[in-house]
C-alpha atoms as a PDB file:
ATOM      1  CA  MET A   1       0.000   0.000   0.000  1.00  0.00           C
ATOM      2  CA  ASP A   2       1.373   3.386  -0.999  1.00  0.00           C
ATOM      3  CA  ASN A   3      -1.029   5.497   1.074  1.00  0.00           C
ATOM      4  CA  ILE A   4      -2.197   5.515   4.652  1.00  0.00           C
ATOM      5  CA  CYS A   5      -5.715   4.161   5.010  1.00  0.00           C
ATOM      6  CA  LEU A   6      -8.693   4.455   7.251  1.00  0.00           C
ATOM      7  CA  ARG A   7     -10.238   1.128   8.249  1.00  0.00           C
ATOM      8  CA  PHE A   8      -7.183  -0.746   6.921  1.00  0.00           C
ATOM      9  CA  LYS A   9      -7.967  -4.231   5.544  1.00  0.00           C
ATOM     10  CA  GLN A  10     -11.695  -3.709   6.061  1.00  0.00           C
ATOM     11  CA  PRO A  11     -14.249  -3.881   3.222  1.00  0.00           C
ATOM     12  CA  ASP A  12     -14.695  -0.095   3.417  1.00  0.00           C
ATOM     13  CA  GLN A  13     -10.949   0.712   3.509  1.00  0.00           C
ATOM     14  CA  THR A  14     -10.257   4.276   2.320  1.00  0.00           C
ATOM     15  CA  ALA A  15      -6.842   5.378   1.028  1.00  0.00           C
ATOM     16  CA  LEU A  16      -5.951   8.980   1.855  1.00  0.00           C
ATOM     17  CA  ALA A  17      -4.073  11.179  -0.640  1.00  0.00           C
ATOM     18  CA  GLU A  18      -3.875  14.281   1.572  1.00  0.00           C
ATOM     19  CA  ILE A  19      -4.912  15.120   5.120  1.00  0.00           C
ATOM     20  CA  THR A  20      -4.289  17.955   7.526  1.00  0.00           C
ATOM     21  CA  LEU A  21      -2.430  17.785  10.814  1.00  0.00           C
ATOM     22  CA  ALA A  22      -5.780  18.135  12.611  1.00  0.00           C
ATOM     23  CA  GLN A  23      -7.206  15.191  10.666  1.00  0.00           C
ATOM     24  CA  ALA A  24      -4.112  13.085  11.430  1.00  0.00           C
ATOM     25  CA  ARG A  25      -4.585  13.785  15.147  1.00  0.00           C
ATOM     26  CA  GLN A  26      -8.298  12.943  14.928  1.00  0.00           C
ATOM     27  CA  TYR A  27      -7.768   9.687  13.017  1.00  0.00           C
ATOM     28  CA  GLN A  28      -5.006   8.696  15.439  1.00  0.00           C
ATOM     29  CA  ALA A  29      -7.298   9.368  18.419  1.00  0.00           C
ATOM     30  CA  GLU A  30     -10.010   7.259  16.743  1.00  0.00           C
ATOM     31  CA  GLY A  31      -7.594   4.312  16.602  1.00  0.00           C
ATOM     32  CA  HIS A  32      -7.044   4.114  12.845  1.00  0.00           C
ATOM     33  CA  PHE A  33      -3.247   3.834  13.194  1.00  0.00           C
ATOM     34  CA  PRO A  34      -2.257   0.990  15.559  1.00  0.00           C
ATOM     35  CA  ALA A  35       1.072   1.005  17.403  1.00  0.00           C
ATOM     36  CA  GLY A  36       2.363  -2.045  15.505  1.00  0.00           C
ATOM     37  CA  SER A  37       1.563  -0.580  12.108  1.00  0.00           C
ATOM     38  CA  MET A  38       1.099   3.049  11.044  1.00  0.00           C
ATOM     39  CA  GLY A  39       1.056   4.451  14.582  1.00  0.00           C
ATOM     40  CA  PRO A  40       4.769   5.291  14.862  1.00  0.00           C
ATOM     41  CA  LYS A  41       4.836   6.873  11.397  1.00  0.00           C
ATOM     42  CA  ILE A  42       1.828   9.055  12.180  1.00  0.00           C
ATOM     43  CA  GLU A  43       3.261  10.028  15.578  1.00  0.00           C
ATOM     44  CA  ALA A  44       6.547  11.038  13.927  1.00  0.00           C
ATOM     45  CA  ALA A  45       4.701  13.011  11.244  1.00  0.00           C
ATOM     46  CA  ILE A  46       2.617  14.836  13.856  1.00  0.00           C
ATOM     47  CA  ALA A  47       5.713  15.647  15.949  1.00  0.00           C
ATOM     48  CA  PHE A  48       7.549  16.942  12.875  1.00  0.00           C
ATOM     49  CA  LEU A  49       4.656  19.190  11.840  1.00  0.00           C
ATOM     50  CA  GLU A  50       4.093  20.451  15.383  1.00  0.00           C
ATOM     51  CA  SER A  51       7.752  21.448  15.588  1.00  0.00           C
ATOM     52  CA  GLY A  52       7.513  23.617  12.476  1.00  0.00           C
ATOM     53  CA  GLY A  53       7.723  21.207   9.542  1.00  0.00           C
ATOM     54  CA  ARG A  54       5.714  22.213   6.491  1.00  0.00           C
ATOM     55  CA  ASP A  55       4.459  18.854   5.271  1.00  0.00           C
ATOM     56  CA  VAL A  56       5.115  15.113   5.427  1.00  0.00           C
ATOM     57  CA  VAL A  57       4.761  12.410   2.795  1.00  0.00           C
ATOM     58  CA  ILE A  58       4.188   8.789   3.783  1.00  0.00           C
ATOM     59  CA  THR A  59       4.547   6.124   1.085  1.00  0.00           C
ATOM     60  CA  SER A  60       6.447   2.986   0.144  1.00  0.00           C
ATOM     61  CA  LEU A  61      10.112   3.254  -0.763  1.00  0.00           C
ATOM     62  CA  GLU A  62       9.288   2.193  -4.325  1.00  0.00           C
ATOM     63  CA  LYS A  63       6.997   5.226  -4.715  1.00  0.00           C
ATOM     64  CA  ALA A  64       9.356   7.803  -3.154  1.00  0.00           C
ATOM     65  CA  LYS A  65      10.035   9.719  -6.377  1.00  0.00           C
ATOM     66  CA  PRO A  66       6.377   9.952  -7.483  1.00  0.00           C
ATOM     67  CA  ALA A  67       5.425  10.853  -3.888  1.00  0.00           C
ATOM     68  CA  LEU A  68       7.860  13.774  -3.892  1.00  0.00           C
ATOM     69  CA  GLN A  69       6.311  14.874  -7.189  1.00  0.00           C
ATOM     70  CA  GLY A  70       2.844  14.725  -5.625  1.00  0.00           C
ATOM     71  CA  SER A  71       1.468  11.716  -7.473  1.00  0.00           C
ATOM     72  CA  ALA A  72       1.740   8.965  -4.822  1.00  0.00           C
ATOM     73  CA  GLY A  73       1.553   8.452  -1.094  1.00  0.00           C
ATOM     74  CA  THR A  74      -0.244  10.456   1.558  1.00  0.00           C
ATOM     75  CA  ARG A  75       0.696  14.080   2.185  1.00  0.00           C
ATOM     76  CA  ILE A  76       0.033  15.480   5.658  1.00  0.00           C
ATOM     77  CA  ILE A  77      -0.027  19.270   5.783  1.00  0.00           C
ATOM     78  CA  ARG A  78      -0.121  21.737   8.657  1.00  0.00           C
END
Protein backbone atom coordinates (compact mmCIF):
# COMPACT_ATOMS: atom_id res chain seq x y z
CA MET A 1 0.00 0.00 0.00
CA ASP A 2 1.37 3.39 -1.00
CA ASN A 3 -1.03 5.50 1.07
CA ILE A 4 -2.20 5.51 4.65
CA CYS A 5 -5.71 4.16 5.01
CA LEU A 6 -8.69 4.45 7.25
CA ARG A 7 -10.24 1.13 8.25
CA PHE A 8 -7.18 -0.75 6.92
CA LYS A 9 -7.97 -4.23 5.54
CA GLN A 10 -11.70 -3.71 6.06
CA PRO A 11 -14.25 -3.88 3.22
CA ASP A 12 -14.69 -0.10 3.42
CA GLN A 13 -10.95 0.71 3.51
CA THR A 14 -10.26 4.28 2.32
CA ALA A 15 -6.84 5.38 1.03
CA LEU A 16 -5.95 8.98 1.86
CA ALA A 17 -4.07 11.18 -0.64
CA GLU A 18 -3.87 14.28 1.57
CA ILE A 19 -4.91 15.12 5.12
CA THR A 20 -4.29 17.96 7.53
CA LEU A 21 -2.43 17.78 10.81
CA ALA A 22 -5.78 18.14 12.61
CA GLN A 23 -7.21 15.19 10.67
CA ALA A 24 -4.11 13.09 11.43
CA ARG A 25 -4.59 13.78 15.15
CA GLN A 26 -8.30 12.94 14.93
CA TYR A 27 -7.77 9.69 13.02
CA GLN A 28 -5.01 8.70 15.44
CA ALA A 29 -7.30 9.37 18.42
CA GLU A 30 -10.01 7.26 16.74
CA GLY A 31 -7.59 4.31 16.60
CA HIS A 32 -7.04 4.11 12.84
CA PHE A 33 -3.25 3.83 13.19
CA PRO A 34 -2.26 0.99 15.56
CA ALA A 35 1.07 1.00 17.40
CA GLY A 36 2.36 -2.05 15.51
CA SER A 37 1.56 -0.58 12.11
CA MET A 38 1.10 3.05 11.04
CA GLY A 39 1.06 4.45 14.58
CA PRO A 40 4.77 5.29 14.86
CA LYS A 41 4.84 6.87 11.40
CA ILE A 42 1.83 9.06 12.18
CA GLU A 43 3.26 10.03 15.58
CA ALA A 44 6.55 11.04 13.93
CA ALA A 45 4.70 13.01 11.24
CA ILE A 46 2.62 14.84 13.86
CA ALA A 47 5.71 15.65 15.95
CA PHE A 48 7.55 16.94 12.87
CA LEU A 49 4.66 19.19 11.84
CA GLU A 50 4.09 20.45 15.38
CA SER A 51 7.75 21.45 15.59
CA GLY A 52 7.51 23.62 12.48
CA GLY A 53 7.72 21.21 9.54
CA ARG A 54 5.71 22.21 6.49
CA ASP A 55 4.46 18.85 5.27
CA VAL A 56 5.12 15.11 5.43
CA VAL A 57 4.76 12.41 2.80
CA ILE A 58 4.19 8.79 3.78
CA THR A 59 4.55 6.12 1.08
CA SER A 60 6.45 2.99 0.14
CA LEU A 61 10.11 3.25 -0.76
CA GLU A 62 9.29 2.19 -4.32
CA LYS A 63 7.00 5.23 -4.71
CA ALA A 64 9.36 7.80 -3.15
CA LYS A 65 10.03 9.72 -6.38
CA PRO A 66 6.38 9.95 -7.48
CA ALA A 67 5.43 10.85 -3.89
CA LEU A 68 7.86 13.77 -3.89
CA GLN A 69 6.31 14.87 -7.19
CA GLY A 70 2.84 14.73 -5.63
CA SER A 71 1.47 11.72 -7.47
CA ALA A 72 1.74 8.97 -4.82
CA GLY A 73 1.55 8.45 -1.09
CA THR A 74 -0.24 10.46 1.56
CA ARG A 75 0.70 14.08 2.18
CA ILE A 76 0.03 15.48 5.66
CA ILE A 77 -0.03 19.27 5.78
CA ARG A 78 -0.12 21.74 8.66
